[in-house]
Amino acid sequence: LFYAVQWDLYQKYLFDKELKQPFKQVFRELYVPTKDELETSNRSERYQGHQVQPQKTVALLRGRGWTVNYEEGLQKVYHKEGFRATIY
């Protein structure tokens, strides 16, 4: 979306429709690979090795309507839209 110059249009759409995301996806920070990173790789590796803290993630998502299924991971059902999101 960034390189296609569509990111701002997508943000406007989400804002206008009052769609809520379970965590920052479209309104998050964007880290475009630097020139040095592109010379050594085709992607940014500046956060390689960083891990999400599971307990904080569960607490955050539970507060936003997600449920814990110990066999399938965290999930949220969007009945109106007809789909289920899962994080394992």
N, C-alpha and C. Protein backbone atom coordinates (compact mmCIF):
# COMPACT_ATOMS: atom_id res chain seq x y z
N LEU A 1 0.81 -1.20 0.00
CA LEU A 1 0.00 0.00 0.00
C LEU A 1 0.86 1.27 0.00
N PHE A 2 1.98 1.21 0.71
CA PHE A 2 2.85 2.38 0.78
C PHE A 2 3.43 2.72 -0.59
N TYR A 3 4.02 1.72 -1.24
CA TYR A 3 4.67 1.97 -2.52
C TYR A 3 3.66 2.26 -3.63
N ALA A 4 2.43 1.77 -3.48
CA ALA A 4 1.38 2.04 -4.47
C ALA A 4 0.68 3.37 -4.18
N VAL A 5 1.14 4.08 -3.15
CA VAL A 5 0.57 5.35 -2.71
C VAL A 5 -0.94 5.18 -2.44
N GLN A 6 -1.27 4.09 -1.76
CA GLN A 6 -2.65 3.80 -1.40
C GLN A 6 -2.87 3.77 0.11
N TRP A 7 -1.79 3.83 0.87
CA TRP A 7 -1.88 3.68 2.32
C TRP A 7 -2.85 4.70 2.92
N ASP A 8 -2.70 5.97 2.55
CA ASP A 8 -3.56 7.00 3.12
C ASP A 8 -5.02 6.81 2.73
N LEU A 9 -5.26 6.30 1.54
CA LEU A 9 -6.65 6.03 1.12
C LEU A 9 -7.26 4.91 1.94
N TYR A 10 -6.46 3.90 2.22
CA TYR A 10 -6.93 2.78 3.03
C TYR A 10 -7.20 3.24 4.47
N GLN A 11 -6.33 4.09 5.00
CA GLN A 11 -6.54 4.64 6.34
C GLN A 11 -7.84 5.45 6.39
N LYS A 12 -8.06 6.26 5.38
CA LYS A 12 -9.27 7.07 5.32
C LYS A 12 -10.51 6.18 5.26
N TYR A 13 -10.46 5.11 4.48
CA TYR A 13 -11.57 4.18 4.38
C TYR A 13 -11.89 3.57 5.75
N LEU A 14 -10.86 3.09 6.45
CA LEU A 14 -11.08 2.51 7.77
C LEU A 14 -11.64 3.53 8.75
N PHE A 15 -11.13 4.74 8.69
CA PHE A 15 -11.60 5.80 9.57
C PHE A 15 -13.05 6.16 9.26
N ASP A 16 -13.36 6.34 7.97
CA ASP A 16 -14.72 6.71 7.57
C ASP A 16 -15.75 5.64 7.94
N LYS A 17 -15.36 4.37 7.80
CA LYS A 17 -16.27 3.25 8.10
C LYS A 17 -16.25 2.88 9.58
N GLU A 18 -15.41 3.58 10.35
CA GLU A 18 -15.27 3.34 11.79
C GLU A 18 -14.91 1.88 12.09
N LEU A 19 -14.06 1.30 11.23
CA LEU A 19 -13.60 -0.07 11.43
C LEU A 19 -12.48 -0.08 12.46
N LYS A 20 -12.56 -1.02 13.37
CA LYS A 20 -11.54 -1.12 14.42
C LYS A 20 -10.68 -2.34 14.14
N GLN A 21 -9.39 -2.17 14.31
CA GLN A 21 -8.45 -3.26 14.11
C GLN A 21 -8.04 -3.80 15.48
N PRO A 22 -7.78 -5.11 15.60
CA PRO A 22 -7.41 -5.67 16.90
C PRO A 22 -6.07 -5.12 17.41
N PHE A 23 -5.22 -4.71 16.53
CA PHE A 23 -3.98 -4.05 16.88
C PHE A 23 -3.59 -3.19 15.70
N LYS A 24 -2.69 -2.22 15.93
CA LYS A 24 -2.33 -1.30 14.86
C LYS A 24 -1.78 -2.08 13.66
N GLN A 25 -2.46 -1.97 12.56
CA GLN A 25 -2.00 -2.59 11.33
C GLN A 25 -1.81 -1.50 10.28
N VAL A 26 -2.88 -0.82 9.97
CA VAL A 26 -2.82 0.22 8.95
C VAL A 26 -2.38 1.56 9.55
N PHE A 27 -2.60 1.77 10.84
CA PHE A 27 -2.22 3.02 11.48
C PHE A 27 -0.94 2.88 12.30
N ARG A 28 -0.16 1.86 12.01
CA ARG A 28 1.08 1.65 12.75
C ARG A 28 2.23 2.41 12.11
N GLU A 29 3.36 2.36 12.79
CA GLU A 29 4.56 2.98 12.25
C GLU A 29 5.02 2.16 11.04
N LEU A 30 5.62 2.84 10.10
CA LEU A 30 6.14 2.17 8.91
C LEU A 30 7.66 2.30 8.90
N TYR A 31 8.32 1.17 8.81
CA TYR A 31 9.77 1.16 8.74
C TYR A 31 10.19 0.66 7.37
N VAL A 32 10.47 1.59 6.49
CA VAL A 32 10.93 1.26 5.14
C VAL A 32 12.40 0.88 5.23
N PRO A 33 12.81 -0.20 4.55
CA PRO A 33 14.23 -0.58 4.60
C PRO A 33 15.14 0.58 4.20
N THR A 34 16.23 0.72 4.93
CA THR A 34 17.19 1.77 4.63
C THR A 34 18.05 1.36 3.43
N LYS A 35 18.79 2.31 2.92
CA LYS A 35 19.68 2.02 1.79
C LYS A 35 20.68 0.91 2.15
N ASP A 36 21.26 0.99 3.36
CA ASP A 36 22.21 -0.03 3.80
C ASP A 36 21.55 -1.41 3.88
N GLU A 37 20.33 -1.46 4.40
CA GLU A 37 19.62 -2.75 4.49
C GLU A 37 19.35 -3.33 3.11
N LEU A 38 19.00 -2.48 2.18
CA LEU A 38 18.70 -2.95 0.82
C LEU A 38 19.96 -3.43 0.09
N GLU A 39 21.10 -2.88 0.46
CA GLU A 39 22.36 -3.31 -0.16
C GLU A 39 22.76 -4.71 0.30
N THR A 40 22.36 -5.10 1.51
CA THR A 40 22.75 -6.40 2.05
C THR A 40 21.62 -7.43 2.01
N SER A 41 20.39 -6.99 1.81
CA SER A 41 19.25 -7.90 1.84
C SER A 41 18.09 -7.25 1.11
N ASN A 42 17.02 -8.01 0.93
CA ASN A 42 15.83 -7.42 0.28
C ASN A 42 14.75 -7.08 1.30
N ARG A 43 15.14 -7.06 2.60
CA ARG A 43 14.18 -6.73 3.64
C ARG A 43 14.92 -6.12 4.83
N SER A 44 14.15 -5.48 5.69
CA SER A 44 14.71 -4.92 6.91
C SER A 44 14.80 -6.03 7.96
N GLU A 45 15.92 -6.05 8.66
CA GLU A 45 16.11 -7.02 9.73
C GLU A 45 16.37 -6.32 11.05
N ARG A 46 15.98 -5.05 11.16
CA ARG A 46 16.31 -4.27 12.36
C ARG A 46 15.62 -4.78 13.62
N TYR A 47 14.51 -5.49 13.48
CA TYR A 47 13.83 -6.03 14.67
C TYR A 47 13.93 -7.55 14.73
N GLN A 48 14.84 -8.11 13.99
CA GLN A 48 15.03 -9.56 14.01
C GLN A 48 15.41 -10.00 15.43
N GLY A 49 14.76 -11.04 15.90
CA GLY A 49 15.04 -11.55 17.24
C GLY A 49 14.14 -10.97 18.31
N HIS A 50 13.43 -9.90 18.02
CA HIS A 50 12.49 -9.34 18.99
C HIS A 50 11.28 -10.26 19.05
N GLN A 51 10.76 -10.46 20.24
CA GLN A 51 9.62 -11.35 20.41
C GLN A 51 8.45 -10.63 21.05
N VAL A 52 7.26 -11.04 20.65
CA VAL A 52 6.04 -10.53 21.27
C VAL A 52 5.92 -11.17 22.64
N GLN A 53 5.54 -10.42 23.64
CA GLN A 53 5.36 -10.96 24.98
C GLN A 53 3.97 -11.60 25.08
N PRO A 54 3.91 -12.93 25.16
CA PRO A 54 2.63 -13.64 25.10
C PRO A 54 1.59 -13.18 26.12
N GLN A 55 1.97 -12.99 27.37
CA GLN A 55 0.99 -12.60 28.38
C GLN A 55 0.40 -11.22 28.10
N LYS A 56 1.23 -10.29 27.64
CA LYS A 56 0.72 -8.96 27.31
C LYS A 56 -0.18 -9.01 26.09
N THR A 57 0.19 -9.86 25.12
CA THR A 57 -0.62 -10.01 23.91
C THR A 57 -2.00 -10.56 24.26
N VAL A 58 -2.03 -11.61 25.07
CA VAL A 58 -3.31 -12.22 25.48
C VAL A 58 -4.16 -11.20 26.23
N ALA A 59 -3.57 -10.47 27.15
CA ALA A 59 -4.32 -9.47 27.92
C ALA A 59 -4.89 -8.38 27.01
N LEU A 60 -4.08 -7.91 26.09
CA LEU A 60 -4.52 -6.87 25.16
C LEU A 60 -5.68 -7.35 24.29
N LEU A 61 -5.51 -8.53 23.70
CA LEU A 61 -6.54 -9.04 22.78
C LEU A 61 -7.81 -9.45 23.51
N ARG A 62 -7.70 -10.01 24.71
CA ARG A 62 -8.91 -10.35 25.48
C ARG A 62 -9.73 -9.09 25.75
N GLY A 63 -9.06 -8.01 26.04
CA GLY A 63 -9.74 -6.74 26.27
C GLY A 63 -10.43 -6.20 25.03
N ARG A 64 -10.11 -6.78 23.88
CA ARG A 64 -10.71 -6.33 22.61
C ARG A 64 -11.60 -7.40 22.00
N GLY A 65 -12.08 -8.32 22.86
CA GLY A 65 -13.07 -9.29 22.42
C GLY A 65 -12.54 -10.59 21.87
N TRP A 66 -11.25 -10.84 21.96
CA TRP A 66 -10.68 -12.10 21.49
C TRP A 66 -10.84 -13.14 22.59
N THR A 67 -10.92 -14.41 22.20
CA THR A 67 -11.00 -15.52 23.15
C THR A 67 -9.77 -16.40 22.99
N VAL A 68 -9.47 -17.13 24.05
CA VAL A 68 -8.33 -18.04 24.02
C VAL A 68 -8.85 -19.46 23.82
N ASN A 69 -8.38 -20.09 22.77
CA ASN A 69 -8.67 -21.49 22.50
C ASN A 69 -7.32 -22.18 22.56
N TYR A 70 -7.13 -23.02 23.57
CA TYR A 70 -5.80 -23.59 23.79
C TYR A 70 -5.36 -24.56 22.70
N GLU A 71 -6.27 -25.00 21.86
CA GLU A 71 -5.89 -25.85 20.73
C GLU A 71 -5.64 -25.05 19.47
N GLU A 72 -6.37 -23.95 19.30
CA GLU A 72 -6.28 -23.17 18.06
C GLU A 72 -5.67 -21.79 18.24
N GLY A 73 -5.34 -21.40 19.46
CA GLY A 73 -4.75 -20.08 19.70
C GLY A 73 -5.81 -19.03 20.00
N LEU A 74 -5.42 -17.79 19.88
CA LEU A 74 -6.35 -16.68 20.09
C LEU A 74 -7.25 -16.56 18.86
N GLN A 75 -8.51 -16.24 19.11
CA GLN A 75 -9.41 -16.09 17.96
C GLN A 75 -10.51 -15.09 18.25
N LYS A 76 -11.00 -14.53 17.19
CA LYS A 76 -12.13 -13.62 17.27
C LYS A 76 -13.03 -13.89 16.08
N VAL A 77 -14.30 -14.06 16.37
CA VAL A 77 -15.27 -14.35 15.32
C VAL A 77 -15.98 -13.05 14.95
N TYR A 78 -16.01 -12.78 13.66
CA TYR A 78 -16.72 -11.61 13.12
C TYR A 78 -17.97 -12.15 12.44
N HIS A 79 -19.03 -12.29 13.23
CA HIS A 79 -20.27 -12.91 12.74
C HIS A 79 -20.86 -12.14 11.56
N LYS A 80 -20.95 -10.84 11.71
CA LYS A 80 -21.56 -10.00 10.67
C LYS A 80 -20.81 -10.11 9.35
N GLU A 81 -19.48 -10.15 9.42
CA GLU A 81 -18.67 -10.20 8.22
C GLU A 81 -18.47 -11.64 7.71
N GLY A 82 -18.75 -12.62 8.58
CA GLY A 82 -18.68 -14.01 8.16
C GLY A 82 -17.29 -14.63 8.15
N PHE A 83 -16.42 -14.22 9.10
CA PHE A 83 -15.10 -14.85 9.16
C PHE A 83 -14.59 -14.90 10.60
N ARG A 84 -13.53 -15.69 10.78
CA ARG A 84 -12.88 -15.82 12.07
C ARG A 84 -11.39 -15.55 11.90
N ALA A 85 -10.85 -14.72 12.77
CA ALA A 85 -9.42 -14.43 12.76
C ALA A 85 -8.76 -15.25 13.86
N THR A 86 -7.59 -15.82 13.55
CA THR A 86 -6.88 -16.66 14.52
C THR A 86 -5.40 -16.28 14.55
N ILE A 87 -4.85 -16.24 15.75
CA ILE A 87 -3.42 -16.03 15.96
C ILE A 87 -2.92 -17.22 16.76
N TYR A 88 -1.94 -17.91 16.24
CA TYR A 88 -1.41 -19.06 16.96
C TYR A 88 0.07 -18.88 17.19
